[in-house]
Amino acid sequence: MVKGILVGAVAAALAGAVAAYVFIAAGVLPANADGKPGRLEMWAARKSLRAAIRREAPSGPVTVPLTDENLRAGVRLYAAECVVCHGAADARPSHIAGGLYQKPPQLAQDGVEDDPEGRSYWVVSHGIRLTGMPAFGKSLSETEVWQLALFLKHMDSLPPAVEGAWKSVPSQAPASRL
């Protein structure tokens, strides 16, 4: 009897694996960037991301001091690397942001100020798979990633001099069409 249950379980697992392969190989699983993801895909992506960040994000003190100079450096880096997807102070998405799946948050509106700096550091450094969020850990120095994380943490409460620099970052949003 145990042998029959074991054979049945193996056969069911094998049938499930074959069905999943056929589903994917036949192109039934959406691969288009403008398609709506299924619940299982969304659950798996969120669960995996949260677990990775919880396990890997730095939780100790920030290695870069919170100064106007470091915040301004974060603004400059954001303007150079992030604004095209995450928007400027006007929170209006660019055409690139509008065409991405998943839609990137417009950080002036959907900010991450409530996230610990270590979480933002991890996301900037490692990116987020299958979302368009690239990993900057090999192209930016550790100091630069921390400067970006500091800016993101404090973007809603910047000192006046830094606020001026942030507000002057040009929007990438398309001009209104007549």
Protein backbone atom coordinates (compact mmCIF):
# COMPACT_ATOMS: atom_id res chain seq x y z
CA MET A 1 0.00 0.00 0.00
CA VAL A 2 2.83 2.43 0.87
CA LYS A 3 4.49 1.56 -2.43
CA GLY A 4 1.27 2.45 -4.30
CA ILE A 5 0.99 5.81 -2.53
CA LEU A 6 4.63 6.57 -3.27
CA VAL A 7 4.24 5.65 -6.97
CA GLY A 8 1.08 7.77 -7.17
CA ALA A 9 2.79 10.77 -5.58
CA VAL A 10 5.77 10.49 -7.94
CA ALA A 11 3.45 10.12 -10.95
CA ALA A 12 1.42 13.17 -9.87
CA ALA A 13 4.58 15.26 -9.41
CA LEU A 14 5.90 14.16 -12.79
CA ALA A 15 2.56 14.94 -14.47
CA GLY A 16 2.56 18.39 -12.84
CA ALA A 17 6.09 19.08 -14.04
CA VAL A 18 5.21 17.99 -17.59
CA ALA A 19 2.05 20.13 -17.55
CA ALA A 20 4.03 23.16 -16.33
CA TYR A 21 6.64 22.63 -19.05
CA VAL A 22 3.96 22.38 -21.77
CA PHE A 23 2.23 25.50 -20.38
CA ILE A 24 5.48 27.48 -20.56
CA ALA A 25 6.79 25.98 -23.84
CA ALA A 26 3.49 26.63 -25.60
CA GLY A 27 3.74 30.34 -24.77
CA VAL A 28 0.65 30.35 -22.55
CA LEU A 29 2.59 32.00 -19.72
CA PRO A 30 2.58 35.71 -20.63
CA ALA A 31 6.01 37.08 -21.51
CA ASN A 32 4.91 40.53 -22.68
CA ALA A 33 5.81 43.56 -20.58
CA ASP A 34 2.30 44.96 -20.80
CA GLY A 35 0.55 41.76 -19.70
CA LYS A 36 -1.05 41.35 -16.31
CA PRO A 37 0.78 38.83 -14.12
CA GLY A 38 -1.01 35.98 -12.45
CA ARG A 39 -1.55 35.73 -8.71
CA LEU A 40 1.02 32.96 -8.34
CA GLU A 41 3.67 35.03 -10.13
CA MET A 42 2.92 38.08 -7.99
CA TRP A 43 2.96 36.05 -4.78
CA ALA A 44 6.23 34.32 -5.66
CA ALA A 45 7.95 37.58 -6.67
CA ARG A 46 6.88 39.46 -3.52
CA LYS A 47 7.67 36.57 -1.19
CA SER A 48 11.12 36.02 -2.69
CA LEU A 49 12.01 39.74 -2.70
CA ARG A 50 10.95 40.25 0.92
CA ALA A 51 12.89 37.19 2.06
CA ALA A 52 16.04 38.21 0.16
CA ILE A 53 15.96 41.75 1.56
CA ARG A 54 15.25 40.52 5.09
CA ARG A 55 18.19 38.09 4.83
CA GLU A 56 20.72 40.23 2.93
CA ALA A 57 20.07 43.96 3.42
CA PRO A 58 22.52 45.74 5.72
CA SER A 59 20.98 46.41 9.12
CA GLY A 60 23.87 48.14 10.85
CA PRO A 61 24.66 51.84 10.83
CA VAL A 62 24.87 53.68 7.52
CA THR A 63 28.52 54.00 6.52
CA VAL A 64 28.06 57.44 4.93
CA PRO A 65 27.22 60.41 7.20
CA LEU A 66 23.98 62.33 6.71
CA THR A 67 25.37 65.63 5.39
CA ASP A 68 24.19 68.14 2.81
CA GLU A 69 27.15 67.12 0.65
CA ASN A 70 26.15 63.43 0.67
CA LEU A 71 22.48 64.27 0.08
CA ARG A 72 23.42 66.49 -2.89
CA ALA A 73 25.58 63.67 -4.25
CA GLY A 74 22.54 61.39 -3.89
CA VAL A 75 20.41 63.89 -5.84
CA ARG A 76 23.05 64.04 -8.62
CA LEU A 77 23.21 60.23 -8.81
CA TYR A 78 19.41 59.98 -8.82
CA ALA A 79 19.22 62.53 -11.65
CA ALA A 80 21.80 60.59 -13.67
CA GLU A 81 20.65 57.02 -13.02
CA CYS A 82 17.09 56.91 -11.65
CA VAL A 83 14.94 59.80 -12.87
CA VAL A 84 14.06 58.24 -16.23
CA CYS A 85 12.16 55.43 -14.49
CA HIS A 86 11.32 56.84 -11.05
CA GLY A 87 10.56 60.44 -12.00
CA ALA A 88 11.68 63.84 -10.80
CA ALA A 89 10.08 65.99 -8.09
CA ASP A 90 6.96 66.40 -10.28
CA ALA A 91 6.26 62.62 -10.00
CA ARG A 92 5.22 62.42 -13.66
CA PRO A 93 6.30 59.19 -15.40
CA SER A 94 8.39 59.17 -18.55
CA HIS A 95 7.44 57.11 -21.60
CA ILE A 96 10.01 54.54 -20.50
CA ALA A 97 8.43 54.25 -17.04
CA GLY A 98 4.97 53.97 -18.60
CA GLY A 99 6.09 51.05 -20.75
CA LEU A 100 7.74 49.03 -18.01
CA TYR A 101 6.26 46.11 -16.18
CA GLN A 102 6.12 46.32 -13.33
CA LYS A 103 5.36 50.03 -13.21
CA PRO A 104 8.23 51.71 -11.37
CA PRO A 105 7.11 53.81 -8.41
CA GLN A 106 7.34 57.54 -8.97
CA LEU A 107 9.41 58.15 -5.86
CA ALA A 108 8.45 61.80 -5.30
CA GLN A 109 4.91 60.51 -4.83
CA ASP A 110 5.32 56.82 -3.85
CA GLY A 111 8.49 57.35 -1.84
CA VAL A 112 10.52 54.96 0.22
CA GLU A 113 11.21 57.34 3.10
CA ASP A 114 9.70 54.88 5.55
CA ASP A 115 12.07 52.09 4.46
CA PRO A 116 15.34 51.57 6.31
CA GLU A 117 18.38 52.82 4.42
CA GLY A 118 19.70 49.26 4.28
CA ARG A 119 16.67 48.15 2.24
CA SER A 120 17.15 50.95 -0.30
CA TYR A 121 20.88 50.19 -0.37
CA TRP A 122 20.12 46.53 -1.17
CA VAL A 123 17.62 47.37 -3.94
CA VAL A 124 19.94 49.91 -5.58
CA SER A 125 22.91 47.59 -5.29
CA HIS A 126 21.23 44.33 -6.40
CA GLY A 127 18.21 45.46 -8.44
CA ILE A 128 14.93 43.54 -8.60
CA ARG A 129 14.69 40.62 -10.98
CA LEU A 130 12.07 40.77 -13.77
CA THR A 131 11.02 44.36 -13.02
CA GLY A 132 13.42 46.52 -15.01
CA MET A 133 15.18 47.67 -11.81
CA PRO A 134 18.87 47.21 -12.62
CA ALA A 135 21.61 46.30 -10.17
CA PHE A 136 23.99 49.25 -9.71
CA GLY A 137 26.36 47.46 -7.33
CA LYS A 138 29.02 46.95 -9.99
CA SER A 139 28.72 50.37 -11.65
CA LEU A 140 28.47 52.58 -8.54
CA SER A 141 30.81 52.61 -5.57
CA GLU A 142 29.57 51.54 -2.14
CA THR A 143 29.68 55.20 -1.06
CA GLU A 144 27.54 56.23 -4.05
CA VAL A 145 24.96 53.53 -3.31
CA TRP A 146 24.78 54.75 0.30
CA GLN A 147 24.45 58.37 -0.90
CA LEU A 148 21.49 57.34 -3.04
CA ALA A 149 19.97 55.41 -0.11
CA LEU A 150 20.35 58.48 2.14
CA PHE A 151 18.68 60.72 -0.44
CA LEU A 152 15.80 58.25 -0.85
CA LYS A 153 15.33 58.03 2.92
CA HIS A 154 15.22 61.81 3.34
CA MET A 155 13.77 63.01 0.02
CA ASP A 156 10.64 64.32 1.75
CA SER A 157 12.56 66.29 4.40
CA LEU A 158 15.64 67.69 2.67
CA PRO A 159 17.52 70.74 3.92
CA PRO A 160 16.63 73.85 1.83
CA ALA A 161 19.86 73.86 -0.23
CA VAL A 162 19.46 70.21 -1.14
CA GLU A 163 15.71 70.63 -1.72
CA GLY A 164 16.54 73.25 -4.36
CA ALA A 165 18.85 70.81 -6.14
CA TRP A 166 16.14 68.11 -6.03
CA LYS A 167 13.45 70.45 -7.38
CA SER A 168 15.75 71.50 -10.24
CA VAL A 169 16.18 67.92 -11.55
CA PRO A 170 14.53 68.02 -15.01
CA SER A 171 11.45 65.89 -15.52
CA GLN A 172 11.65 63.10 -18.09
CA ALA A 173 7.86 63.11 -18.52
CA PRO A 174 6.66 63.80 -22.06
CA ALA A 175 5.32 67.26 -22.83
CA SER A 176 1.57 67.48 -23.22
CA ARG A 177 0.39 66.77 -26.74
CA LEU A 178 -1.94 69.19 -28.43
